[in-house]
Amino acid sequence: MKTKITELLGIKYPVIQGGMAWTSDANLAAAVSNAGGAGIIATGGRTTEWTKAEIQKCKSLTDKPFGVNLMLMAPNVNEIIEVVCEEKVAFVTLGAGNPVPHIEKLHSAGIKVIPVVPNVKLAKRVEAAGVDAMVIEGMEGGGHIGQQTTMALMTNVLPLIKNVPVLVAGGIADGRGIAAALLMGADGVQMGSRFILTTECPTHPRAKQAIIDATDTDSAVTGFSRNSAARCLKNEFTKEYLAKECAGAPQQELNDFAAGTNRRGAVEGDIEHGAVMVGQSLNVLNEILPCKEVMEKLIAEARETLANAKNIEL
């Protein structure tokens, strides 16, 4: 399956793994890359020492391209970028901040730059700034999200971006979603939630089971009224957070209440008082498989969907 993104990154399939904090480590990234996609190590909340060790570990586990996700609001982001440049990873994805000031430094180290963008304005800006590709991410995704749906973003952005490959993210959890993005004109997809339910993913077993047990109405968005929206499974944490948010609690109180909850859910397995971050397409997330089998199923389903689309009488 060849697209502009497979050619750009030198990968077999147009699928990159999302950079999920506390979840996307060397083992997961290497497994996705070995399966034909492009794995990503997430650095949100991590130290420079951890980042360097995970990059080197990933190199020992795969000879395929992999990337690193940079959270631009992180206090140590400049130090993380230094490590990424020293280790010369294949590419970076960037979010939660302005990627433009970092493009030149990353390019000078031979690293491809792929920002995650939530709207047309930023998509045009990063294209003009010389990025290598971009990810447009809709609000159906897990974790921190924007305010447009994936369908709206594809409709709004894809016709306007002509010079660089565009990947789509947000609620894409099976091969039908990959096919839909390709048919809309995308060059590939970024998928996070589907790779949580893999044997190589370090997410706590209780959090994985909570995702399997969930249905389509079981996710909630916190922080939407404060322009700091994040999607995770409904639980006691989201109930209390939303009660505080709707009551007009100060932002600092909300920040303090949410601090550490992502780690509590993903690492410690506290599925009631932690944040189990996952996308909205929950009903197809129902089994834990090795990354290789996940990728094979995704691509087979995408190919079948695309073939069926050609059979429609016009």
C-alpha atoms as a PDB file:
ATOM      1  CA  MET A   1       0.000   0.000   0.000  1.00  0.00           C
ATOM      2  CA  LYS A   2       1.874   3.053  -1.279  1.00  0.00           C
ATOM      3  CA  THR A   3       1.096   6.697  -0.535  1.00  0.00           C
ATOM      4  CA  LYS A   4       3.114   9.870  -0.142  1.00  0.00           C
ATOM      5  CA  ILE A   5       3.634   9.114   3.558  1.00  0.00           C
ATOM      6  CA  THR A   6       4.953   5.581   2.970  1.00  0.00           C
ATOM      7  CA  GLU A   7       7.445   7.028   0.498  1.00  0.00           C
ATOM      8  CA  LEU A   8       8.418   9.885   2.817  1.00  0.00           C
ATOM      9  CA  LEU A   9       9.062   7.677   5.840  1.00  0.00           C
ATOM     10  CA  GLY A  10      10.132   4.483   4.070  1.00  0.00           C
ATOM     11  CA  ILE A  11       7.388   2.350   5.626  1.00  0.00           C
ATOM     12  CA  LYS A  12       5.178  -0.423   4.232  1.00  0.00           C
ATOM     13  CA  TYR A  13       1.760   0.833   5.335  1.00  0.00           C
ATOM     14  CA  PRO A  14       0.371   4.398   5.717  1.00  0.00           C
ATOM     15  CA  VAL A  15      -0.145   4.045   9.474  1.00  0.00           C
ATOM     16  CA  ILE A  16       1.742   5.825  12.235  1.00  0.00           C
ATOM     17  CA  GLN A  17       1.160   5.165  15.914  1.00  0.00           C
ATOM     18  CA  GLY A  18      -0.001   7.995  18.141  1.00  0.00           C
ATOM     19  CA  GLY A  19       2.344   9.476  20.715  1.00  0.00           C
ATOM     20  CA  MET A  20       0.473   8.596  23.916  1.00  0.00           C
ATOM     21  CA  ALA A  21       1.995   9.743  27.203  1.00  0.00           C
ATOM     22  CA  TRP A  22       2.942   6.897  29.603  1.00  0.00           C
ATOM     23  CA  THR A  23       1.920   4.390  26.907  1.00  0.00           C
ATOM     24  CA  SER A  24       4.108   4.870  23.821  1.00  0.00           C
ATOM     25  CA  ASP A  25       7.494   3.430  24.767  1.00  0.00           C
ATOM     26  CA  ALA A  26      10.304   1.680  22.868  1.00  0.00           C
ATOM     27  CA  ASN A  27       8.652  -1.743  22.959  1.00  0.00           C
ATOM     28  CA  LEU A  28       5.416  -0.478  21.424  1.00  0.00           C
ATOM     29  CA  ALA A  29       7.134   1.785  18.891  1.00  0.00           C
ATOM     30  CA  ALA A  30       9.441  -0.979  17.690  1.00  0.00           C
ATOM     31  CA  ALA A  31       6.566  -3.453  17.408  1.00  0.00           C
ATOM     32  CA  VAL A  32       4.519  -1.050  15.268  1.00  0.00           C
ATOM     33  CA  SER A  33       7.506  -0.298  13.041  1.00  0.00           C
ATOM     34  CA  ASN A  34       8.327  -3.997  12.671  1.00  0.00           C
ATOM     35  CA  ALA A  35       4.689  -4.569  11.680  1.00  0.00           C
ATOM     36  CA  GLY A  36       5.037  -2.175   8.741  1.00  0.00           C
ATOM     37  CA  GLY A  37       3.866   1.110  10.232  1.00  0.00           C
ATOM     38  CA  ALA A  38       5.819   3.815  12.013  1.00  0.00           C
ATOM     39  CA  GLY A  39       6.047   3.596  15.793  1.00  0.00           C
ATOM     40  CA  ILE A  40       6.449   6.618  18.047  1.00  0.00           C
ATOM     41  CA  ILE A  41       8.003   7.118  21.489  1.00  0.00           C
ATOM     42  CA  ALA A  42       6.059   9.704  23.530  1.00  0.00           C
ATOM     43  CA  THR A  43       8.069  12.081  25.714  1.00  0.00           C
ATOM     44  CA  GLY A  44       5.255  13.860  27.576  1.00  0.00           C
ATOM     45  CA  GLY A  45       6.042  13.776  31.292  1.00  0.00           C
ATOM     46  CA  ARG A  46       9.346  12.010  30.660  1.00  0.00           C
ATOM     47  CA  THR A  47      12.942  12.974  31.432  1.00  0.00           C
ATOM     48  CA  THR A  48      15.701  13.454  28.887  1.00  0.00           C
ATOM     49  CA  GLU A  49      17.479  10.425  30.329  1.00  0.00           C
ATOM     50  CA  TRP A  50      14.418   8.219  29.834  1.00  0.00           C
ATOM     51  CA  THR A  51      13.966   9.549  26.298  1.00  0.00           C
ATOM     52  CA  LYS A  52      17.560   8.802  25.294  1.00  0.00           C
ATOM     53  CA  ALA A  53      17.435   5.314  26.794  1.00  0.00           C
ATOM     54  CA  GLU A  54      14.138   4.492  25.044  1.00  0.00           C
ATOM     55  CA  ILE A  55      15.407   5.717  21.671  1.00  0.00           C
ATOM     56  CA  GLN A  56      18.510   3.561  22.004  1.00  0.00           C
ATOM     57  CA  LYS A  57      16.402   0.597  23.132  1.00  0.00           C
ATOM     58  CA  CYS A  58      14.089   1.050  20.138  1.00  0.00           C
ATOM     59  CA  LYS A  59      17.105   1.037  17.805  1.00  0.00           C
ATOM     60  CA  SER A  60      18.091  -2.321  19.282  1.00  0.00           C
ATOM     61  CA  LEU A  61      14.589  -3.724  18.677  1.00  0.00           C
ATOM     62  CA  THR A  62      14.020  -2.592  15.088  1.00  0.00           C
ATOM     63  CA  ASP A  63      15.936  -1.508  12.018  1.00  0.00           C
ATOM     64  CA  LYS A  64      12.811   0.192  10.678  1.00  0.00           C
ATOM     65  CA  PRO A  65      12.027   3.932  10.894  1.00  0.00           C
ATOM     66  CA  PHE A  66      10.426   5.208  14.105  1.00  0.00           C
ATOM     67  CA  GLY A  67       9.706   8.631  15.552  1.00  0.00           C
ATOM     68  CA  VAL A  68       9.459  10.623  18.760  1.00  0.00           C
ATOM     69  CA  ASN A  69       6.509  12.746  19.877  1.00  0.00           C
ATOM     70  CA  LEU A  70       7.398  16.150  21.345  1.00  0.00           C
ATOM     71  CA  MET A  71       5.003  17.905  23.717  1.00  0.00           C
ATOM     72  CA  LEU A  72       6.009  21.505  23.098  1.00  0.00           C
ATOM     73  CA  MET A  73       4.591  22.782  26.403  1.00  0.00           C
ATOM     74  CA  ALA A  74       6.877  20.473  28.398  1.00  0.00           C
ATOM     75  CA  PRO A  75       9.403  22.382  30.529  1.00  0.00           C
ATOM     76  CA  ASN A  76      12.269  20.223  29.239  1.00  0.00           C
ATOM     77  CA  VAL A  77      11.276  20.252  25.560  1.00  0.00           C
ATOM     78  CA  ASN A  78      14.500  21.955  24.413  1.00  0.00           C
ATOM     79  CA  GLU A  79      16.601  19.324  26.152  1.00  0.00           C
ATOM     80  CA  ILE A  80      14.438  16.564  24.634  1.00  0.00           C
ATOM     81  CA  ILE A  81      14.973  18.080  21.183  1.00  0.00           C
ATOM     82  CA  GLU A  82      18.737  18.017  21.769  1.00  0.00           C
ATOM     83  CA  VAL A  83      18.545  14.290  22.544  1.00  0.00           C
ATOM     84  CA  VAL A  84      16.370  13.628  19.478  1.00  0.00           C
ATOM     85  CA  CYS A  85      18.862  15.469  17.272  1.00  0.00           C
ATOM     86  CA  GLU A  86      21.821  13.616  18.767  1.00  0.00           C
ATOM     87  CA  GLU A  87      20.131  10.256  18.243  1.00  0.00           C
ATOM     88  CA  LYS A  88      18.928  11.227  14.751  1.00  0.00           C
ATOM     89  CA  VAL A  89      15.523   9.575  14.835  1.00  0.00           C
ATOM     90  CA  ALA A  90      13.668   9.359  11.523  1.00  0.00           C
ATOM     91  CA  PHE A  91      10.954  11.895  12.354  1.00  0.00           C
ATOM     92  CA  VAL A  92       9.150  13.757  15.110  1.00  0.00           C
ATOM     93  CA  THR A  93       5.518  14.597  15.655  1.00  0.00           C
ATOM     94  CA  LEU A  94       4.870  17.802  17.583  1.00  0.00           C
ATOM     95  CA  GLY A  95       1.832  19.075  19.475  1.00  0.00           C
ATOM     96  CA  ALA A  96       0.642  21.335  22.307  1.00  0.00           C
ATOM     97  CA  GLY A  97       2.523  24.397  21.097  1.00  0.00           C
ATOM     98  CA  ASN A  98       4.033  26.232  18.146  1.00  0.00           C
ATOM     99  CA  PRO A  99       6.220  23.877  16.064  1.00  0.00           C
ATOM    100  CA  VAL A 100       7.606  26.514  13.685  1.00  0.00           C
ATOM    101  CA  PRO A 101      10.594  27.688  15.803  1.00  0.00           C
ATOM    102  CA  HIS A 102      11.922  24.109  15.988  1.00  0.00           C
ATOM    103  CA  ILE A 103      11.746  23.147  12.309  1.00  0.00           C
ATOM    104  CA  GLU A 104      15.164  24.429  11.249  1.00  0.00           C
ATOM    105  CA  LYS A 105      17.041  22.725  14.090  1.00  0.00           C
ATOM    106  CA  LEU A 106      15.338  19.393  13.489  1.00  0.00           C
ATOM    107  CA  HIS A 107      15.873  19.591   9.736  1.00  0.00           C
ATOM    108  CA  SER A 108      19.532  20.395  10.244  1.00  0.00           C
ATOM    109  CA  ALA A 109      19.837  17.073  12.104  1.00  0.00           C
ATOM    110  CA  GLY A 110      18.157  15.232   9.216  1.00  0.00           C
ATOM    111  CA  ILE A 111      14.886  14.706  11.106  1.00  0.00           C
ATOM    112  CA  LYS A 112      11.529  14.954   9.349  1.00  0.00           C
ATOM    113  CA  VAL A 113       9.019  17.250  11.056  1.00  0.00           C
ATOM    114  CA  ILE A 114       5.333  16.276  11.296  1.00  0.00           C
ATOM    115  CA  PRO A 115       3.202  18.641  13.435  1.00  0.00           C
ATOM    116  CA  VAL A 116      -0.247  17.714  14.745  1.00  0.00           C
ATOM    117  CA  VAL A 117      -2.686  20.503  13.820  1.00  0.00           C
ATOM    118  CA  PRO A 118      -6.347  21.177  14.737  1.00  0.00           C
ATOM    119  CA  ASN A 119      -7.499  23.657  12.075  1.00  0.00           C
ATOM    120  CA  VAL A 120      -6.978  25.163   8.599  1.00  0.00           C
ATOM    121  CA  LYS A 121      -5.093  28.221   9.856  1.00  0.00           C
ATOM    122  CA  LEU A 122      -2.335  26.216  11.523  1.00  0.00           C
ATOM    123  CA  ALA A 123      -2.237  23.684   8.675  1.00  0.00           C
ATOM    124  CA  LYS A 124      -1.503  26.471   6.183  1.00  0.00           C
ATOM    125  CA  ARG A 125       1.039  28.033   8.522  1.00  0.00           C
ATOM    126  CA  VAL A 126       3.098  24.888   9.059  1.00  0.00           C
ATOM    127  CA  GLU A 127       2.943  23.989   5.369  1.00  0.00           C
ATOM    128  CA  ALA A 128       4.375  27.413   4.510  1.00  0.00           C
ATOM    129  CA  ALA A 129       7.035  26.974   7.213  1.00  0.00           C
ATOM    130  CA  GLY A 130       8.410  23.877   5.450  1.00  0.00           C
ATOM    131  CA  VAL A 131       7.230  20.874   7.443  1.00  0.00           C
ATOM    132  CA  ASP A 132       7.577  17.446   5.843  1.00  0.00           C
ATOM    133  CA  ALA A 133       4.025  16.278   6.580  1.00  0.00           C
ATOM    134  CA  MET A 134       1.256  16.972   9.075  1.00  0.00           C
ATOM    135  CA  VAL A 135      -1.379  15.192  11.128  1.00  0.00           C
ATOM    136  CA  ILE A 136      -4.881  16.679  11.306  1.00  0.00           C
ATOM    137  CA  GLU A 137      -6.519  15.392  14.476  1.00  0.00           C
ATOM    138  CA  GLY A 138     -10.240  15.483  15.212  1.00  0.00           C
ATOM    139  CA  MET A 139     -11.965  15.643  18.565  1.00  0.00           C
ATOM    140  CA  GLU A 140     -13.008  11.964  18.424  1.00  0.00           C
ATOM    141  CA  GLY A 141      -9.485  11.002  19.464  1.00  0.00           C
ATOM    142  CA  GLY A 142      -8.311  10.203  22.967  1.00  0.00           C
ATOM    143  CA  GLY A 143      -6.257  12.543  25.121  1.00  0.00           C
ATOM    144  CA  HIS A 144      -5.948  16.246  24.352  1.00  0.00           C
ATOM    145  CA  ILE A 145      -8.189  17.285  21.480  1.00  0.00           C
ATOM    146  CA  GLY A 146      -9.279  20.282  19.439  1.00  0.00           C
ATOM    147  CA  GLN A 147     -12.792  21.499  18.640  1.00  0.00           C
ATOM    148  CA  GLN A 148     -13.431  20.111  15.146  1.00  0.00           C
ATOM    149  CA  THR A 149     -14.534  16.626  14.232  1.00  0.00           C
ATOM    150  CA  THR A 150     -12.345  14.415  12.076  1.00  0.00           C
ATOM    151  CA  MET A 151     -14.814  14.578   9.162  1.00  0.00           C
ATOM    152  CA  ALA A 152     -14.942  18.370   9.336  1.00  0.00           C
ATOM    153  CA  LEU A 153     -11.149  18.600   9.439  1.00  0.00           C
ATOM    154  CA  MET A 154     -10.796  16.324   6.418  1.00  0.00           C
ATOM    155  CA  THR A 155     -13.414  18.341   4.556  1.00  0.00           C
ATOM    156  CA  ASN A 156     -11.835  21.670   5.482  1.00  0.00           C
ATOM    157  CA  VAL A 157      -8.111  20.926   5.321  1.00  0.00           C
ATOM    158  CA  LEU A 158      -7.440  18.235   2.720  1.00  0.00           C
ATOM    159  CA  PRO A 159      -8.398  20.281  -0.380  1.00  0.00           C
ATOM    160  CA  LEU A 160      -6.170  23.154   0.744  1.00  0.00           C
ATOM    161  CA  ILE A 161      -2.907  21.363   1.561  1.00  0.00           C
ATOM    162  CA  LYS A 162      -1.176  20.350  -1.676  1.00  0.00           C
ATOM    163  CA  ASN A 163       2.552  20.390  -0.984  1.00  0.00           C
ATOM    164  CA  VAL A 164       3.007  17.926   1.898  1.00  0.00           C
ATOM    165  CA  PRO A 165       1.428  14.590   2.910  1.00  0.00           C
ATOM    166  CA  VAL A 166      -1.479  14.811   5.340  1.00  0.00           C
ATOM    167  CA  LEU A 167      -2.346  12.087   7.860  1.00  0.00           C
ATOM    168  CA  VAL A 168      -5.700  11.941   9.628  1.00  0.00           C
ATOM    169  CA  ALA A 169      -6.280  11.096  13.297  1.00  0.00           C
ATOM    170  CA  GLY A 170      -9.164  11.065  15.725  1.00  0.00           C
ATOM    171  CA  GLY A 171     -11.536   8.128  16.115  1.00  0.00           C
ATOM    172  CA  ILE A 172      -9.838   5.981  13.471  1.00  0.00           C
ATOM    173  CA  ALA A 173      -9.755   2.558  15.076  1.00  0.00           C
ATOM    174  CA  ASP A 174     -10.175   0.033  12.255  1.00  0.00           C
ATOM    175  CA  GLY A 175      -9.428  -0.538   8.583  1.00  0.00           C
ATOM    176  CA  ARG A 176     -12.683   1.102   7.491  1.00  0.00           C
ATOM    177  CA  GLY A 177     -11.457   4.331   9.055  1.00  0.00           C
ATOM    178  CA  ILE A 178      -8.154   4.061   7.197  1.00  0.00           C
ATOM    179  CA  ALA A 179     -10.047   3.534   3.926  1.00  0.00           C
ATOM    180  CA  ALA A 180     -12.340   6.495   4.618  1.00  0.00           C
ATOM    181  CA  ALA A 181      -9.374   8.803   5.211  1.00  0.00           C
ATOM    182  CA  LEU A 182      -7.672   7.635   2.017  1.00  0.00           C
ATOM    183  CA  LEU A 183     -10.873   8.089   0.008  1.00  0.00           C
ATOM    184  CA  MET A 184     -11.200  11.640   1.360  1.00  0.00           C
ATOM    185  CA  GLY A 185      -7.728  12.398   0.012  1.00  0.00           C
ATOM    186  CA  ALA A 186      -5.463  11.768   3.019  1.00  0.00           C
ATOM    187  CA  ASP A 187      -2.063  10.108   2.619  1.00  0.00           C
ATOM    188  CA  GLY A 188      -2.376   7.979   5.746  1.00  0.00           C
ATOM    189  CA  VAL A 189      -3.585   7.883   9.330  1.00  0.00           C
ATOM    190  CA  GLN A 190      -2.328   8.191  12.880  1.00  0.00           C
ATOM    191  CA  MET A 191      -3.854   5.678  15.297  1.00  0.00           C
ATOM    192  CA  GLY A 192      -3.439   5.633  19.057  1.00  0.00           C
ATOM    193  CA  SER A 193      -6.258   3.820  20.797  1.00  0.00           C
ATOM    194  CA  ARG A 194      -6.056   0.643  18.696  1.00  0.00           C
ATOM    195  CA  PHE A 195      -2.438   0.175  19.681  1.00  0.00           C
ATOM    196  CA  ILE A 196      -3.274   0.443  23.385  1.00  0.00           C
ATOM    197  CA  LEU A 197      -4.931  -2.954  23.034  1.00  0.00           C
ATOM    198  CA  THR A 198      -1.753  -4.761  22.021  1.00  0.00           C
ATOM    199  CA  THR A 199       0.431  -7.182  23.897  1.00  0.00           C
ATOM    200  CA  GLU A 200       3.415  -4.842  23.503  1.00  0.00           C
ATOM    201  CA  CYS A 201       1.689  -1.797  24.998  1.00  0.00           C
ATOM    202  CA  PRO A 202       2.596  -1.121  28.659  1.00  0.00           C
ATOM    203  CA  THR A 203      -0.811   0.316  29.619  1.00  0.00           C
ATOM    204  CA  HIS A 204      -2.086  -1.350  32.822  1.00  0.00           C
ATOM    205  CA  PRO A 205      -4.254  -4.451  32.228  1.00  0.00           C
ATOM    206  CA  ARG A 206      -7.150  -2.901  34.184  1.00  0.00           C
ATOM    207  CA  ALA A 207      -7.159   0.109  31.871  1.00  0.00           C
ATOM    208  CA  LYS A 208      -7.057  -2.147  28.812  1.00  0.00           C
ATOM    209  CA  GLN A 209      -9.999  -4.161  30.142  1.00  0.00           C
ATOM    210  CA  ALA A 210     -11.956  -0.979  30.855  1.00  0.00           C
ATOM    211  CA  ILE A 211     -11.528  -0.013  27.188  1.00  0.00           C
ATOM    212  CA  ILE A 212     -12.675  -3.467  26.044  1.00  0.00           C
ATOM    213  CA  ASP A 213     -15.722  -3.275  28.331  1.00  0.00           C
ATOM    214  CA  ALA A 214     -16.692   0.240  27.160  1.00  0.00           C
ATOM    215  CA  THR A 215     -19.362   1.101  24.618  1.00  0.00           C
ATOM    216  CA  ASP A 216     -19.831   4.092  22.301  1.00  0.00           C
ATOM    217  CA  THR A 217     -21.293   6.427  24.945  1.00  0.00           C
ATOM    218  CA  ASP A 218     -18.667   5.732  27.598  1.00  0.00           C
ATOM    219  CA  SER A 219     -16.194   8.535  26.886  1.00  0.00           C
ATOM    220  CA  ALA A 220     -16.236  12.055  28.305  1.00  0.00           C
ATOM    221  CA  VAL A 221     -14.492  15.304  27.434  1.00  0.00           C
ATOM    222  CA  THR A 222     -13.120  17.382  30.287  1.00  0.00           C
ATOM    223  CA  GLY A 223     -11.934  20.965  29.940  1.00  0.00           C
ATOM    224  CA  PHE A 224     -13.917  21.719  26.776  1.00  0.00           C
ATOM    225  CA  SER A 225     -15.216  25.038  28.141  1.00  0.00           C
ATOM    226  CA  ARG A 226     -11.658  26.128  29.008  1.00  0.00           C
ATOM    227  CA  ASN A 227     -10.062  25.317  25.625  1.00  0.00           C
ATOM    228  CA  SER A 228      -8.098  22.489  27.247  1.00  0.00           C
ATOM    229  CA  ALA A 229     -10.246  19.548  26.221  1.00  0.00           C
ATOM    230  CA  ALA A 230      -9.197  15.957  26.860  1.00  0.00           C
ATOM    231  CA  ARG A 231     -11.118  12.757  26.112  1.00  0.00           C
ATOM    232  CA  CYS A 232     -11.057   9.705  28.377  1.00  0.00           C
ATOM    233  CA  LEU A 233     -13.408   7.063  29.724  1.00  0.00           C
ATOM    234  CA  LYS A 234     -16.204   8.201  32.014  1.00  0.00           C
ATOM    235  CA  ASN A 235     -15.454   7.475  35.674  1.00  0.00           C
ATOM    236  CA  GLU A 236     -15.392   9.146  39.081  1.00  0.00           C
ATOM    237  CA  PHE A 237     -12.543  11.418  37.975  1.00  0.00           C
ATOM    238  CA  THR A 238     -14.447  12.788  34.960  1.00  0.00           C
ATOM    239  CA  LYS A 239     -17.644  13.127  37.022  1.00  0.00           C
ATOM    240  CA  GLU A 240     -15.908  15.210  39.675  1.00  0.00           C
ATOM    241  CA  TYR A 241     -13.861  17.231  37.172  1.00  0.00           C
ATOM    242  CA  LEU A 242     -16.911  18.139  35.078  1.00  0.00           C
ATOM    243  CA  ALA A 243     -18.876  19.105  38.214  1.00  0.00           C
ATOM    244  CA  LYS A 244     -16.070  21.495  39.171  1.00  0.00           C
ATOM    245  CA  GLU A 245     -15.760  22.812  35.600  1.00  0.00           C
ATOM    246  CA  CYS A 246     -19.508  23.447  35.259  1.00  0.00           C
ATOM    247  CA  ALA A 247     -19.572  25.140  38.656  1.00  0.00           C
ATOM    248  CA  GLY A 248     -16.944  27.618  37.449  1.00  0.00           C
ATOM    249  CA  ALA A 249     -13.959  26.391  39.450  1.00  0.00           C
ATOM    250  CA  PRO A 250     -10.737  28.355  38.851  1.00  0.00           C
ATOM    251  CA  GLN A 251      -8.450  26.853  36.221  1.00  0.00           C
ATOM    252  CA  GLN A 252      -5.668  26.267  38.729  1.00  0.00           C
ATOM    253  CA  GLU A 253      -8.020  24.200  40.892  1.00  0.00           C
ATOM    254  CA  LEU A 254      -8.899  22.074  37.858  1.00  0.00           C
ATOM    255  CA  ASN A 255      -5.225  21.716  36.922  1.00  0.00           C
ATOM    256  CA  ASP A 256      -4.362  20.576  40.433  1.00  0.00           C
ATOM    257  CA  PHE A 257      -7.270  18.118  40.471  1.00  0.00           C
ATOM    258  CA  ALA A 258      -6.213  16.573  37.152  1.00  0.00           C
ATOM    259  CA  ALA A 259      -2.479  16.476  37.877  1.00  0.00           C
ATOM    260  CA  GLY A 260      -1.089  12.953  37.657  1.00  0.00           C
ATOM    261  CA  THR A 261      -4.368  11.342  36.628  1.00  0.00           C
ATOM    262  CA  ASN A 262      -3.082  10.174  33.226  1.00  0.00           C
ATOM    263  CA  ARG A 263      -0.268   8.241  34.870  1.00  0.00           C
ATOM    264  CA  ARG A 264      -2.674   6.982  37.544  1.00  0.00           C
ATOM    265  CA  GLY A 265      -4.915   5.469  34.891  1.00  0.00           C
ATOM    266  CA  ALA A 266      -2.384   4.191  32.347  1.00  0.00           C
ATOM    267  CA  VAL A 267       0.422   3.061  34.673  1.00  0.00           C
ATOM    268  CA  GLU A 268      -1.242   2.345  38.029  1.00  0.00           C
ATOM    269  CA  GLY A 269      -4.512   1.004  36.626  1.00  0.00           C
ATOM    270  CA  ASP A 270      -6.789   3.208  38.735  1.00  0.00           C
ATOM    271  CA  ILE A 271      -9.752   3.192  36.359  1.00  0.00           C
ATOM    272  CA  GLU A 272     -12.012   5.204  38.674  1.00  0.00           C
ATOM    273  CA  HIS A 273      -9.818   8.075  39.850  1.00  0.00           C
ATOM    274  CA  GLY A 274      -7.301   8.063  37.007  1.00  0.00           C
ATOM    275  CA  ALA A 275      -7.751   9.190  33.406  1.00  0.00           C
ATOM    276  CA  VAL A 276      -8.044   6.307  30.927  1.00  0.00           C
ATOM    277  CA  MET A 277      -7.387   8.253  27.741  1.00  0.00           C
ATOM    278  CA  VAL A 278      -8.888   6.628  24.653  1.00  0.00           C
ATOM    279  CA  GLY A 279     -10.792   7.681  21.544  1.00  0.00           C
ATOM    280  CA  GLN A 280     -14.515   7.630  20.894  1.00  0.00           C
ATOM    281  CA  SER A 281     -14.642   4.633  18.499  1.00  0.00           C
ATOM    282  CA  LEU A 282     -14.903   2.222  21.396  1.00  0.00           C
ATOM    283  CA  ASN A 283     -17.044  -0.609  20.080  1.00  0.00           C
ATOM    284  CA  VAL A 284     -14.373  -1.935  17.706  1.00  0.00           C
ATOM    285  CA  LEU A 285     -11.748  -1.915  20.476  1.00  0.00           C
ATOM    286  CA  ASN A 286     -12.529  -5.342  21.838  1.00  0.00           C
ATOM    287  CA  GLU A 287      -9.439  -7.568  21.788  1.00  0.00           C
ATOM    288  CA  ILE A 288      -5.764  -7.515  22.724  1.00  0.00           C
ATOM    289  CA  LEU A 289      -3.456  -8.759  19.977  1.00  0.00           C
ATOM    290  CA  PRO A 290       0.224  -8.460  19.019  1.00  0.00           C
ATOM    291  CA  CYS A 291       0.956  -5.373  16.901  1.00  0.00           C
ATOM    292  CA  LYS A 292       1.732  -7.551  13.881  1.00  0.00           C
ATOM    293  CA  GLU A 293      -1.735  -9.107  13.961  1.00  0.00           C
ATOM    294  CA  VAL A 294      -3.390  -5.732  14.554  1.00  0.00           C
ATOM    295  CA  MET A 295      -1.643  -4.265  11.515  1.00  0.00           C
ATOM    296  CA  GLU A 296      -2.497  -7.242   9.325  1.00  0.00           C
ATOM    297  CA  LYS A 297      -6.182  -6.944  10.281  1.00  0.00           C
ATOM    298  CA  LEU A 298      -6.210  -3.181   9.740  1.00  0.00           C
ATOM    299  CA  ILE A 299      -4.690  -3.374   6.279  1.00  0.00           C
ATOM    300  CA  ALA A 300      -6.841  -6.337   5.186  1.00  0.00           C
ATOM    301  CA  GLU A 301      -9.988  -4.486   6.262  1.00  0.00           C
ATOM    302  CA  ALA A 302      -8.850  -1.265   4.595  1.00  0.00           C
ATOM    303  CA  ARG A 303      -8.177  -3.093   1.335  1.00  0.00           C
ATOM    304  CA  GLU A 304     -11.547  -4.836   1.468  1.00  0.00           C
ATOM    305  CA  THR A 305     -13.340  -1.547   2.129  1.00  0.00           C
ATOM    306  CA  LEU A 306     -11.551   0.193  -0.723  1.00  0.00           C
ATOM    307  CA  ALA A 307     -12.343  -2.694  -3.071  1.00  0.00           C
ATOM    308  CA  ASN A 308     -16.024  -2.579  -2.118  1.00  0.00           C
ATOM    309  CA  ALA A 309     -16.097   1.159  -2.761  1.00  0.00           C
ATOM    310  CA  LYS A 310     -15.039   0.517  -6.354  1.00  0.00           C
ATOM    311  CA  ASN A 311     -18.045  -1.771  -6.799  1.00  0.00           C
ATOM    312  CA  ILE A 312     -20.591   0.974  -6.151  1.00  0.00           C
ATOM    313  CA  GLU A 313     -22.628   1.802  -9.241  1.00  0.00           C
ATOM    314  CA  LEU A 314     -22.555   5.486 -10.110  1.00  0.00           C
END
